[in-house]
């Protein structure tokens, strides 16, 4: 889901994608929570691994409320390993 205002829920698409380059594949995970690593495992299965994974890290506290929406730094490291990325960079809106 997405929302930036009171009446715009589900009006934008937060998406991940893969770019294939001569130097290797780049995985942009989009804006997501960790969800037990299911998306990372799926990406490793589909693509074998990545040269670079660009992973969302931001707005993750308090965990009881934000875990489904945003991952924390520890989860991003787990995601990097699960998707078989050689390198990772953290990103998030406004950072």
N, C-alpha and C. Protein backbone atom coordinates (compact mmCIF):
# COMPACT_ATOMS: atom_id res chain seq x y z
N UNK A 1 0.84 -1.18 0.00
CA UNK A 1 0.00 0.00 0.00
C UNK A 1 0.88 1.23 0.00
N UNK A 2 0.31 2.37 -0.25
CA UNK A 2 1.04 3.63 -0.19
C UNK A 2 0.08 4.72 0.27
N UNK A 3 0.64 5.75 0.86
CA UNK A 3 -0.16 6.91 1.27
C UNK A 3 0.76 8.03 1.70
N UNK A 4 0.48 9.22 1.26
CA UNK A 4 1.20 10.41 1.70
C UNK A 4 0.25 11.42 2.32
N UNK A 5 -1.04 11.20 2.16
CA UNK A 5 -2.05 12.08 2.72
C UNK A 5 -3.23 11.27 3.23
N UNK A 6 -4.24 11.94 3.72
CA UNK A 6 -5.39 11.27 4.30
C UNK A 6 -6.29 10.57 3.30
N UNK A 7 -6.22 10.96 2.02
CA UNK A 7 -7.14 10.40 1.04
C UNK A 7 -6.45 9.80 -0.19
N UNK A 8 -5.17 9.45 -0.08
CA UNK A 8 -4.47 8.94 -1.25
C UNK A 8 -3.93 7.52 -1.08
N UNK A 9 -4.55 6.74 -0.21
CA UNK A 9 -4.11 5.37 0.00
C UNK A 9 -4.23 4.56 -1.30
N UNK A 10 -3.17 3.82 -1.60
CA UNK A 10 -3.08 2.96 -2.79
C UNK A 10 -3.14 3.73 -4.12
N UNK A 11 -2.70 4.97 -4.11
CA UNK A 11 -2.71 5.77 -5.34
C UNK A 11 -1.33 5.82 -5.99
N UNK A 12 -0.34 5.16 -5.40
CA UNK A 12 1.00 5.11 -5.96
C UNK A 12 1.50 3.67 -5.87
N UNK A 13 2.45 3.33 -6.71
CA UNK A 13 3.00 1.98 -6.71
C UNK A 13 4.45 2.04 -6.22
N UNK A 14 4.72 1.32 -5.16
CA UNK A 14 6.09 1.19 -4.66
C UNK A 14 6.61 -0.13 -5.22
N UNK A 15 7.59 -0.05 -6.07
CA UNK A 15 8.01 -1.26 -6.78
C UNK A 15 9.51 -1.49 -6.66
N UNK A 16 9.88 -2.74 -6.72
CA UNK A 16 11.27 -3.14 -6.84
C UNK A 16 11.54 -3.55 -8.28
N UNK A 17 12.81 -3.60 -8.65
CA UNK A 17 13.15 -4.01 -10.01
C UNK A 17 14.60 -4.46 -10.08
N UNK A 18 14.95 -5.12 -11.18
CA UNK A 18 16.31 -5.59 -11.44
C UNK A 18 16.79 -4.98 -12.74
N UNK A 19 18.02 -4.51 -12.71
CA UNK A 19 18.67 -3.98 -13.91
C UNK A 19 19.85 -4.88 -14.22
N UNK A 20 19.91 -5.39 -15.44
CA UNK A 20 21.03 -6.23 -15.86
C UNK A 20 22.04 -5.36 -16.59
N UNK A 21 23.31 -5.39 -16.13
CA UNK A 21 24.39 -4.62 -16.75
C UNK A 21 25.53 -5.57 -17.09
N UNK A 22 26.48 -5.07 -17.84
CA UNK A 22 27.66 -5.88 -18.17
C UNK A 22 28.46 -6.24 -16.92
N UNK A 23 28.40 -5.40 -15.90
CA UNK A 23 29.14 -5.63 -14.66
C UNK A 23 28.38 -6.50 -13.67
N UNK A 24 27.14 -6.83 -13.96
CA UNK A 24 26.34 -7.66 -13.06
C UNK A 24 24.96 -7.06 -12.85
N UNK A 25 24.13 -7.80 -12.16
CA UNK A 25 22.76 -7.38 -11.92
C UNK A 25 22.67 -6.46 -10.70
N UNK A 26 21.78 -5.48 -10.80
CA UNK A 26 21.49 -4.55 -9.71
C UNK A 26 20.05 -4.77 -9.28
N UNK A 27 19.85 -4.94 -7.99
CA UNK A 27 18.51 -5.15 -7.44
C UNK A 27 18.12 -3.94 -6.61
N UNK A 28 17.04 -3.27 -6.99
CA UNK A 28 16.46 -2.20 -6.21
C UNK A 28 15.22 -2.78 -5.54
N UNK A 29 15.25 -2.91 -4.21
CA UNK A 29 14.19 -3.61 -3.49
C UNK A 29 12.92 -2.80 -3.33
N UNK A 30 12.95 -1.51 -3.62
CA UNK A 30 11.77 -0.69 -3.44
C UNK A 30 11.63 -0.25 -1.99
N UNK A 31 10.42 -0.02 -1.55
CA UNK A 31 10.12 0.43 -0.19
C UNK A 31 9.32 -0.66 0.49
N UNK A 32 9.98 -1.43 1.35
CA UNK A 32 9.33 -2.62 1.88
C UNK A 32 9.79 -2.96 3.28
N UNK A 33 9.00 -3.75 3.96
CA UNK A 33 9.41 -4.38 5.20
C UNK A 33 10.15 -5.67 4.89
N UNK A 34 10.67 -6.32 5.92
CA UNK A 34 11.49 -7.52 5.72
C UNK A 34 10.64 -8.78 5.45
N UNK A 35 9.55 -8.95 6.15
CA UNK A 35 8.62 -10.07 5.93
C UNK A 35 9.33 -11.42 5.89
N UNK A 36 10.18 -11.67 6.89
CA UNK A 36 10.92 -12.93 7.01
C UNK A 36 11.80 -13.23 5.80
N UNK A 37 12.11 -12.21 5.01
CA UNK A 37 13.04 -12.37 3.89
C UNK A 37 12.46 -13.03 2.65
N UNK A 38 11.14 -13.17 2.59
CA UNK A 38 10.53 -13.89 1.47
C UNK A 38 10.88 -13.28 0.11
N UNK A 39 10.85 -11.95 0.01
CA UNK A 39 11.17 -11.31 -1.27
C UNK A 39 12.63 -11.50 -1.65
N UNK A 40 13.52 -11.46 -0.68
CA UNK A 40 14.94 -11.65 -0.96
C UNK A 40 15.24 -13.07 -1.42
N UNK A 41 14.62 -14.03 -0.77
CA UNK A 41 14.80 -15.42 -1.20
C UNK A 41 14.28 -15.63 -2.63
N UNK A 42 13.14 -15.05 -2.92
CA UNK A 42 12.56 -15.15 -4.26
C UNK A 42 13.47 -14.53 -5.30
N UNK A 43 14.05 -13.38 -5.00
CA UNK A 43 14.95 -12.72 -5.96
C UNK A 43 16.20 -13.55 -6.19
N UNK A 44 16.74 -14.16 -5.16
CA UNK A 44 17.91 -15.03 -5.32
C UNK A 44 17.55 -16.24 -6.18
N UNK A 45 16.38 -16.78 -5.96
CA UNK A 45 15.93 -17.94 -6.74
C UNK A 45 15.76 -17.57 -8.21
N UNK A 46 15.18 -16.42 -8.47
CA UNK A 46 14.92 -16.00 -9.85
C UNK A 46 16.16 -15.51 -10.59
N UNK A 47 17.08 -14.86 -9.85
CA UNK A 47 18.19 -14.19 -10.52
C UNK A 47 19.57 -14.72 -10.14
N UNK A 48 19.66 -15.59 -9.16
CA UNK A 48 20.92 -16.19 -8.80
C UNK A 48 21.80 -15.37 -7.89
N UNK A 49 21.69 -14.08 -7.94
CA UNK A 49 22.51 -13.19 -7.12
C UNK A 49 22.69 -11.86 -7.82
N UNK A 50 23.31 -10.94 -7.10
CA UNK A 50 23.42 -9.57 -7.59
C UNK A 50 24.80 -8.99 -7.30
N UNK A 51 25.24 -8.13 -8.17
CA UNK A 51 26.46 -7.35 -7.92
C UNK A 51 26.18 -6.31 -6.84
N UNK A 52 24.98 -5.68 -6.90
CA UNK A 52 24.60 -4.64 -5.95
C UNK A 52 23.13 -4.78 -5.61
N UNK A 53 22.83 -4.65 -4.32
CA UNK A 53 21.44 -4.57 -3.86
C UNK A 53 21.25 -3.21 -3.21
N UNK A 54 20.26 -2.47 -3.67
CA UNK A 54 19.91 -1.17 -3.08
C UNK A 54 18.69 -1.43 -2.21
N UNK A 55 18.89 -1.29 -0.89
CA UNK A 55 17.92 -1.76 0.08
C UNK A 55 17.36 -0.62 0.91
N UNK A 56 16.05 -0.65 1.19
CA UNK A 56 15.44 0.42 1.98
C UNK A 56 15.75 0.27 3.47
N UNK A 57 16.25 1.34 4.06
CA UNK A 57 16.48 1.38 5.51
C UNK A 57 16.00 2.76 5.96
N UNK A 58 14.91 2.82 6.66
CA UNK A 58 14.45 4.11 7.14
C UNK A 58 13.07 4.05 7.75
N UNK A 59 12.80 4.99 8.65
CA UNK A 59 11.49 5.11 9.31
C UNK A 59 11.04 3.76 9.88
N UNK A 60 11.94 3.10 10.61
CA UNK A 60 11.66 1.74 11.08
C UNK A 60 11.30 1.63 12.55
N UNK A 61 11.26 2.72 13.28
CA UNK A 61 10.89 2.69 14.70
C UNK A 61 9.55 3.40 14.90
N UNK A 62 8.73 2.96 15.82
CA UNK A 62 8.86 1.78 16.67
C UNK A 62 8.57 0.50 15.88
N UNK A 63 9.32 -0.53 16.18
CA UNK A 63 9.23 -1.79 15.42
C UNK A 63 7.84 -2.41 15.48
N UNK A 64 7.18 -2.33 16.62
CA UNK A 64 5.86 -2.95 16.74
C UNK A 64 4.88 -2.39 15.71
N UNK A 65 5.11 -1.17 15.29
CA UNK A 65 4.22 -0.51 14.34
C UNK A 65 4.78 -0.48 12.92
N UNK A 66 6.08 -0.30 12.78
CA UNK A 66 6.69 -0.06 11.47
C UNK A 66 7.25 -1.31 10.79
N UNK A 67 7.40 -2.41 11.48
CA UNK A 67 8.01 -3.61 10.88
C UNK A 67 7.36 -4.05 9.56
N UNK A 68 6.03 -4.04 9.43
CA UNK A 68 5.45 -4.47 8.15
C UNK A 68 5.76 -3.51 6.99
N UNK A 69 6.06 -2.25 7.30
CA UNK A 69 6.27 -1.25 6.26
C UNK A 69 7.74 -0.99 5.92
N UNK A 70 8.60 -1.01 6.94
CA UNK A 70 10.00 -0.63 6.74
C UNK A 70 10.94 -1.56 7.49
N UNK A 71 12.07 -1.87 6.87
CA UNK A 71 13.05 -2.73 7.54
C UNK A 71 14.13 -1.89 8.22
N UNK A 72 14.72 -2.48 9.25
CA UNK A 72 15.79 -1.81 9.97
C UNK A 72 17.15 -2.25 9.40
N UNK A 73 18.25 -1.67 9.88
CA UNK A 73 19.56 -2.02 9.33
C UNK A 73 19.90 -3.51 9.44
N UNK A 74 19.57 -4.15 10.54
CA UNK A 74 19.86 -5.58 10.69
C UNK A 74 19.11 -6.41 9.64
N UNK A 75 17.86 -6.06 9.40
CA UNK A 75 17.09 -6.79 8.40
C UNK A 75 17.64 -6.55 6.99
N UNK A 76 18.13 -5.35 6.73
CA UNK A 76 18.73 -5.06 5.42
C UNK A 76 19.98 -5.92 5.20
N UNK A 77 20.79 -6.10 6.23
CA UNK A 77 21.97 -6.96 6.11
C UNK A 77 21.54 -8.40 5.84
N UNK A 78 20.52 -8.86 6.55
CA UNK A 78 19.99 -10.20 6.27
C UNK A 78 19.50 -10.31 4.83
N UNK A 79 18.81 -9.27 4.36
CA UNK A 79 18.31 -9.24 2.99
C UNK A 79 19.43 -9.31 1.97
N UNK A 80 20.51 -8.58 2.24
CA UNK A 80 21.67 -8.61 1.35
C UNK A 80 22.19 -10.04 1.21
N UNK A 81 22.31 -10.71 2.33
CA UNK A 81 22.81 -12.09 2.32
C UNK A 81 21.82 -13.03 1.63
N UNK A 82 20.54 -12.88 1.92
CA UNK A 82 19.53 -13.77 1.35
C UNK A 82 19.40 -13.65 -0.16
N UNK A 83 19.62 -12.45 -0.70
CA UNK A 83 19.48 -12.28 -2.16
C UNK A 83 20.82 -12.48 -2.87
N UNK A 84 21.85 -12.87 -2.12
CA UNK A 84 23.17 -13.16 -2.68
C UNK A 84 23.78 -11.94 -3.37
N UNK A 85 23.78 -10.81 -2.67
CA UNK A 85 24.37 -9.59 -3.22
C UNK A 85 25.82 -9.45 -2.76
N UNK A 86 26.71 -9.09 -3.69
CA UNK A 86 28.11 -8.86 -3.35
C UNK A 86 28.28 -7.56 -2.59
N UNK A 87 27.48 -6.54 -2.94
CA UNK A 87 27.55 -5.23 -2.31
C UNK A 87 26.12 -4.75 -2.04
N UNK A 88 25.99 -3.81 -1.09
CA UNK A 88 24.69 -3.24 -0.81
C UNK A 88 24.84 -1.76 -0.51
N UNK A 89 23.77 -1.03 -0.79
CA UNK A 89 23.68 0.39 -0.44
C UNK A 89 22.29 0.61 0.17
N UNK A 90 22.26 1.34 1.25
CA UNK A 90 20.99 1.65 1.89
C UNK A 90 20.39 2.90 1.28
N UNK A 91 19.07 2.94 1.23
CA UNK A 91 18.39 4.13 0.72
C UNK A 91 17.01 4.21 1.36
N UNK A 92 16.46 5.41 1.34
CA UNK A 92 15.08 5.61 1.73
C UNK A 92 14.70 7.03 1.38
N UNK A 93 13.42 7.29 1.21
CA UNK A 93 12.93 8.62 0.88
C UNK A 93 13.46 9.64 1.88
N UNK A 94 14.06 10.69 1.38
CA UNK A 94 14.53 11.78 2.21
C UNK A 94 15.87 11.55 2.89
N UNK A 95 16.54 10.44 2.58
CA UNK A 95 17.85 10.19 3.21
C UNK A 95 18.97 10.41 2.21
